[in-house]
Protein backbone atom coordinates (compact mmCIF):
# COMPACT_ATOMS: atom_id res chain seq x y z
CA UNK A 1 -31.65 10.53 -13.02
CA UNK A 2 -28.22 8.99 -12.50
CA UNK A 3 -28.32 4.79 -11.96
CA UNK A 4 -27.36 4.48 -8.79
CA UNK A 5 -23.98 2.39 -8.43
CA UNK A 6 -23.18 -0.01 -7.11
CA UNK A 7 -19.67 -0.52 -4.88
CA UNK A 8 -17.14 -2.33 -5.52
CA UNK A 9 -16.95 -5.23 -2.97
CA UNK A 10 -13.45 -4.92 -1.81
CA UNK A 11 -11.84 -7.81 -0.30
CA UNK A 12 -13.25 -9.57 -3.08
CA UNK A 13 -10.80 -7.48 -4.80
CA UNK A 14 -7.67 -7.53 -2.32
CA UNK A 15 -8.10 -11.27 -1.67
CA UNK A 16 -8.46 -11.77 -5.09
CA UNK A 17 -5.30 -9.33 -6.21
CA UNK A 18 -2.03 -10.16 -7.70
CA UNK A 19 -0.75 -7.54 -5.82
CA UNK A 20 0.36 -8.23 -1.98
CA UNK A 21 -1.78 -5.98 0.15
CA UNK A 22 -2.05 -5.92 4.46
CA UNK A 23 -4.59 -3.76 5.83
CA UNK A 24 -2.32 -2.70 9.88
CA UNK A 25 -3.61 -0.57 12.11
CA UNK A 26 -2.27 2.53 14.00
CA UNK A 27 -0.05 -0.22 16.52
CA UNK A 28 0.98 -1.62 13.41
CA UNK A 29 -0.76 -5.20 13.96
CA UNK A 30 -2.20 -7.31 10.74
CA UNK A 31 -5.31 -6.60 10.13
CA UNK A 32 -5.81 -8.50 6.97
CA UNK A 33 -3.64 -9.38 4.39
CA UNK A 34 -4.38 -11.11 1.24
CA UNK A 35 -2.88 -14.21 -0.67
CA UNK A 36 -0.97 -12.87 -2.70
CA UNK A 37 1.69 -11.16 0.82
CA UNK A 38 1.21 -14.31 1.92
CA UNK A 39 2.47 -16.07 -0.60
CA UNK A 40 5.68 -13.27 -1.07
CA UNK A 41 7.08 -14.20 2.30
CA UNK A 42 6.85 -17.44 3.42
CA UNK A 43 3.62 -16.61 5.88
CA UNK A 44 -0.40 -18.09 7.07
CA UNK A 45 -2.92 -15.26 8.27
CA UNK A 46 -2.38 -17.48 11.51
CA UNK A 47 0.85 -16.35 11.96
CA UNK A 48 0.76 -12.58 11.52
CA UNK A 49 -3.66 -11.77 12.31
CA UNK A 50 -3.05 -9.67 15.76
CA UNK A 51 0.96 -9.57 15.18
CA UNK A 52 2.75 -6.02 15.30
CA UNK A 53 4.95 -6.05 11.76
CA UNK A 54 8.34 -4.39 13.31
CA UNK A 55 7.74 -8.18 15.83
CA UNK A 56 7.43 -10.32 12.76
CA UNK A 57 10.19 -8.70 10.33
CA UNK A 58 12.92 -8.00 11.90
CA UNK A 59 16.19 -6.04 10.98
CA UNK A 60 17.47 -9.10 9.88
CA UNK A 61 14.02 -9.92 7.82
CA UNK A 62 14.19 -6.69 6.17
CA UNK A 63 17.61 -4.88 5.15
CA UNK A 64 16.21 -1.20 5.99
CA UNK A 65 13.19 -1.47 8.03
CA UNK A 66 13.53 1.00 9.75
CA UNK A 67 13.00 3.32 6.87
CA UNK A 68 9.76 1.44 6.28
CA UNK A 69 8.68 1.96 10.24
CA UNK A 70 9.17 6.07 9.37
CA UNK A 71 7.80 6.08 6.41
CA UNK A 72 4.46 3.85 8.29
CA UNK A 73 5.06 6.58 11.20
CA UNK A 74 5.28 9.56 9.32
CA UNK A 75 1.92 8.79 7.53
CA UNK A 76 0.35 8.33 10.87
CA UNK A 77 1.42 11.68 11.41
CA UNK A 78 0.83 13.24 8.51
CA UNK A 79 -2.44 12.09 7.41
CA UNK A 80 -0.85 11.50 4.28
CA UNK A 81 1.06 9.58 2.13
CA UNK A 82 5.37 9.37 2.35
CA UNK A 83 7.19 7.76 -0.37
């Protein structure tokens, strides 16, 4: 019989990752952010959580914000990754 494998704690992994990660809901609101993301964008979690991505970061902040919006819309519509 195979031993049960314990599922990893993804929250712990993401919060300790040196790579920036965000979790958005279907309306592109920030649900969670890791410390690496906060450091990369010079914001606090209070600045972001509950806010809509495109209200916080505009075309003035990100040159290709329309490409990001298109990519995220494609992911939601198709249910697959978009690169």
